Amino acid sequence: MPRSRRLAPRLWTAATVLAVTAGTAVLTAPPAAADPNQCPNGSFCVWEQSSYRGDFRHYTASTPNVGNYMNDRMTSYWNRTGRTVSVYEHSNYVGCMFSIAPGGSEAAVASHFNDKMTSLRVGSGC
């Protein structure tokens, strides 16, 4: 058998192993984590997922309804407003869940508060 015919199956095997390995590395790579330092000073920041990952929004004032982009999606937060912030389950500051002191943060809210924030008030406690 000519040398080129013996080498071809080995090259195909090596190429297949490399392709499968590269594909597995891409499929198992963890999602990029949001940097909690992206939260601007003077803001109340919320993330859709735990550990400050996923969709991110920040607020500098009381908000009677956070809108579809963050409604019922907050899982982690950081209060950099310098004031107490209260988060509410419903629009217009109804159903206060908890208040966060200045500088307070949580990488994962308690399960009974997860994905329930609809409004927030800066400068007051529950």
C-alpha atoms as a PDB file:
ATOM      1  CA  MET A   1       0.000   0.000   0.000  1.00  0.00           C
ATOM      2  CA  PRO A   2       1.434   3.420  -0.892  1.00  0.00           C
ATOM      3  CA  ARG A   3       2.420   5.611   2.029  1.00  0.00           C
ATOM      4  CA  SER A   4      -0.200   8.311   1.183  1.00  0.00           C
ATOM      5  CA  ARG A   5      -3.032   5.758   1.523  1.00  0.00           C
ATOM      6  CA  ARG A   6      -1.789   4.684   4.978  1.00  0.00           C
ATOM      7  CA  LEU A   7      -1.414   8.299   6.127  1.00  0.00           C
ATOM      8  CA  ALA A   8      -4.857   9.494   4.994  1.00  0.00           C
ATOM      9  CA  PRO A   9      -6.884   7.472   7.573  1.00  0.00           C
ATOM     10  CA  ARG A  10      -4.604   8.703  10.364  1.00  0.00           C
ATOM     11  CA  LEU A  11      -5.055  12.322   9.289  1.00  0.00           C
ATOM     12  CA  TRP A  12      -8.837  11.914   9.182  1.00  0.00           C
ATOM     13  CA  THR A  13      -8.794  10.359  12.652  1.00  0.00           C
ATOM     14  CA  ALA A  14      -6.662  13.203  14.024  1.00  0.00           C
ATOM     15  CA  ALA A  15      -8.864  15.831  12.385  1.00  0.00           C
ATOM     16  CA  THR A  16     -11.998  14.189  13.806  1.00  0.00           C
ATOM     17  CA  VAL A  17     -10.541  14.080  17.331  1.00  0.00           C
ATOM     18  CA  LEU A  18      -9.549  17.747  17.094  1.00  0.00           C
ATOM     19  CA  ALA A  19     -12.974  18.770  15.802  1.00  0.00           C
ATOM     20  CA  VAL A  20     -14.813  16.868  18.541  1.00  0.00           C
ATOM     21  CA  THR A  21     -12.493  18.254  21.234  1.00  0.00           C
ATOM     22  CA  ALA A  22     -12.895  21.828  19.995  1.00  0.00           C
ATOM     23  CA  GLY A  23     -16.668  21.429  19.767  1.00  0.00           C
ATOM     24  CA  THR A  24     -16.847  20.027  23.295  1.00  0.00           C
ATOM     25  CA  ALA A  25     -14.771  22.911  24.649  1.00  0.00           C
ATOM     26  CA  VAL A  26     -17.162  25.403  23.102  1.00  0.00           C
ATOM     27  CA  LEU A  27     -20.261  23.567  24.339  1.00  0.00           C
ATOM     28  CA  THR A  28     -19.026  23.245  27.929  1.00  0.00           C
ATOM     29  CA  ALA A  29     -17.579  26.732  28.347  1.00  0.00           C
ATOM     30  CA  PRO A  30     -19.298  28.582  31.191  1.00  0.00           C
ATOM     31  CA  PRO A  31     -21.366  31.635  30.285  1.00  0.00           C
ATOM     32  CA  ALA A  32     -19.568  34.943  30.588  1.00  0.00           C
ATOM     33  CA  ALA A  33     -20.190  36.390  34.030  1.00  0.00           C
ATOM     34  CA  ALA A  34     -21.206  40.008  34.415  1.00  0.00           C
ATOM     35  CA  ASP A  35     -18.668  42.007  36.354  1.00  0.00           C
ATOM     36  CA  PRO A  36     -20.342  43.327  39.518  1.00  0.00           C
ATOM     37  CA  ASN A  37     -18.061  46.340  39.157  1.00  0.00           C
ATOM     38  CA  GLN A  38     -20.092  47.361  36.084  1.00  0.00           C
ATOM     39  CA  CYS A  39     -22.567  48.845  38.571  1.00  0.00           C
ATOM     40  CA  PRO A  40     -22.040  52.617  38.472  1.00  0.00           C
ATOM     41  CA  ASN A  41     -21.577  54.502  41.705  1.00  0.00           C
ATOM     42  CA  GLY A  42     -24.893  56.069  42.749  1.00  0.00           C
ATOM     43  CA  SER A  43     -26.977  53.233  41.230  1.00  0.00           C
ATOM     44  CA  PHE A  44     -29.066  50.298  42.384  1.00  0.00           C
ATOM     45  CA  CYS A  45     -28.088  47.444  40.083  1.00  0.00           C
ATOM     46  CA  VAL A  46     -29.924  44.204  39.399  1.00  0.00           C
ATOM     47  CA  TRP A  47     -28.996  41.108  37.423  1.00  0.00           C
ATOM     48  CA  GLU A  48     -31.284  38.475  35.996  1.00  0.00           C
ATOM     49  CA  GLN A  49     -29.153  35.557  37.205  1.00  0.00           C
ATOM     50  CA  SER A  50     -27.242  34.684  40.333  1.00  0.00           C
ATOM     51  CA  SER A  51     -23.641  35.765  40.881  1.00  0.00           C
ATOM     52  CA  TYR A  52     -24.193  39.028  38.989  1.00  0.00           C
ATOM     53  CA  ARG A  53     -24.702  37.340  35.617  1.00  0.00           C
ATOM     54  CA  GLY A  54     -27.202  37.679  32.809  1.00  0.00           C
ATOM     55  CA  ASP A  55     -29.262  40.689  31.833  1.00  0.00           C
ATOM     56  CA  PHE A  56     -28.285  43.771  33.849  1.00  0.00           C
ATOM     57  CA  ARG A  57     -30.038  47.065  34.646  1.00  0.00           C
ATOM     58  CA  HIS A  58     -29.251  49.959  36.947  1.00  0.00           C
ATOM     59  CA  TYR A  59     -31.522  52.560  38.501  1.00  0.00           C
ATOM     60  CA  THR A  60     -30.711  55.914  40.098  1.00  0.00           C
ATOM     61  CA  ALA A  61     -34.237  56.862  41.227  1.00  0.00           C
ATOM     62  CA  SER A  62     -37.430  55.250  42.490  1.00  0.00           C
ATOM     63  CA  THR A  63     -39.165  53.314  39.734  1.00  0.00           C
ATOM     64  CA  PRO A  64     -42.883  52.431  40.021  1.00  0.00           C
ATOM     65  CA  ASN A  65     -42.550  49.722  37.363  1.00  0.00           C
ATOM     66  CA  VAL A  66     -39.225  48.382  36.091  1.00  0.00           C
ATOM     67  CA  GLY A  67     -40.795  47.366  32.768  1.00  0.00           C
ATOM     68  CA  ASN A  68     -40.649  44.124  30.835  1.00  0.00           C
ATOM     69  CA  TYR A  69     -36.868  44.070  30.627  1.00  0.00           C
ATOM     70  CA  MET A  70     -36.468  43.386  34.376  1.00  0.00           C
ATOM     71  CA  ASN A  71     -39.979  42.748  35.718  1.00  0.00           C
ATOM     72  CA  ASP A  72     -39.990  39.525  37.751  1.00  0.00           C
ATOM     73  CA  ARG A  73     -36.382  38.753  36.796  1.00  0.00           C
ATOM     74  CA  MET A  74     -34.117  40.024  39.617  1.00  0.00           C
ATOM     75  CA  THR A  75     -31.898  37.368  41.162  1.00  0.00           C
ATOM     76  CA  SER A  76     -28.851  39.369  42.320  1.00  0.00           C
ATOM     77  CA  TYR A  77     -28.388  43.017  43.258  1.00  0.00           C
ATOM     78  CA  TRP A  78     -25.989  45.671  44.553  1.00  0.00           C
ATOM     79  CA  ASN A  79     -27.021  48.940  46.185  1.00  0.00           C
ATOM     80  CA  ARG A  80     -24.504  51.672  45.376  1.00  0.00           C
ATOM     81  CA  THR A  81     -26.933  54.586  45.863  1.00  0.00           C
ATOM     82  CA  GLY A  82     -25.742  55.604  49.327  1.00  0.00           C
ATOM     83  CA  ARG A  83     -29.394  55.341  50.454  1.00  0.00           C
ATOM     84  CA  THR A  84     -31.703  52.520  51.513  1.00  0.00           C
ATOM     85  CA  VAL A  85     -33.504  50.849  48.605  1.00  0.00           C
ATOM     86  CA  SER A  86     -36.706  48.834  48.980  1.00  0.00           C
ATOM     87  CA  VAL A  87     -37.857  46.336  46.373  1.00  0.00           C
ATOM     88  CA  TYR A  88     -41.522  45.537  45.807  1.00  0.00           C
ATOM     89  CA  GLU A  89     -43.337  42.592  44.295  1.00  0.00           C
ATOM     90  CA  HIS A  90     -45.922  44.729  42.513  1.00  0.00           C
ATOM     91  CA  SER A  91     -46.111  48.033  40.634  1.00  0.00           C
ATOM     92  CA  ASN A  92     -46.372  51.358  42.453  1.00  0.00           C
ATOM     93  CA  TYR A  93     -44.479  50.158  45.539  1.00  0.00           C
ATOM     94  CA  VAL A  94     -47.010  47.538  46.659  1.00  0.00           C
ATOM     95  CA  GLY A  95     -45.897  44.391  48.477  1.00  0.00           C
ATOM     96  CA  CYS A  96     -42.533  45.359  49.928  1.00  0.00           C
ATOM     97  CA  MET A  97     -40.278  42.314  49.943  1.00  0.00           C
ATOM     98  CA  PHE A  98     -37.183  43.722  51.655  1.00  0.00           C
ATOM     99  CA  SER A  99     -34.963  46.787  52.064  1.00  0.00           C
ATOM    100  CA  ILE A 100     -31.268  47.005  51.237  1.00  0.00           C
ATOM    101  CA  ALA A 101     -28.884  49.220  53.173  1.00  0.00           C
ATOM    102  CA  PRO A 102     -26.340  51.335  51.288  1.00  0.00           C
ATOM    103  CA  GLY A 103     -23.594  49.077  49.958  1.00  0.00           C
ATOM    104  CA  GLY A 104     -25.705  45.950  50.399  1.00  0.00           C
ATOM    105  CA  SER A 105     -25.442  43.224  47.788  1.00  0.00           C
ATOM    106  CA  GLU A 106     -26.617  39.685  47.297  1.00  0.00           C
ATOM    107  CA  ALA A 107     -25.352  37.226  44.684  1.00  0.00           C
ATOM    108  CA  ALA A 108     -28.569  35.208  44.959  1.00  0.00           C
ATOM    109  CA  VAL A 109     -31.720  36.416  46.698  1.00  0.00           C
ATOM    110  CA  ALA A 110     -33.722  33.990  48.811  1.00  0.00           C
ATOM    111  CA  SER A 111     -35.811  31.668  46.658  1.00  0.00           C
ATOM    112  CA  HIS A 112     -39.117  33.186  47.857  1.00  0.00           C
ATOM    113  CA  PHE A 113     -37.950  36.606  46.506  1.00  0.00           C
ATOM    114  CA  ASN A 114     -36.312  35.347  43.324  1.00  0.00           C
ATOM    115  CA  ASP A 115     -37.738  36.729  40.082  1.00  0.00           C
ATOM    116  CA  LYS A 116     -40.410  38.836  41.829  1.00  0.00           C
ATOM    117  CA  MET A 117     -39.283  42.492  41.773  1.00  0.00           C
ATOM    118  CA  THR A 118     -41.587  44.872  39.878  1.00  0.00           C
ATOM    119  CA  SER A 119     -40.855  48.249  41.496  1.00  0.00           C
ATOM    120  CA  LEU A 120     -38.198  49.827  43.704  1.00  0.00           C
ATOM    121  CA  ARG A 121     -37.984  52.851  45.933  1.00  0.00           C
ATOM    122  CA  VAL A 122     -34.737  54.684  46.615  1.00  0.00           C
ATOM    123  CA  GLY A 123     -34.463  56.449  49.972  1.00  0.00           C
ATOM    124  CA  SER A 124     -36.980  54.532  52.069  1.00  0.00           C
ATOM    125  CA  GLY A 125     -37.333  51.257  53.901  1.00  0.00           C
ATOM    126  CA  CYS A 126     -40.337  48.956  54.076  1.00  0.00           C
END
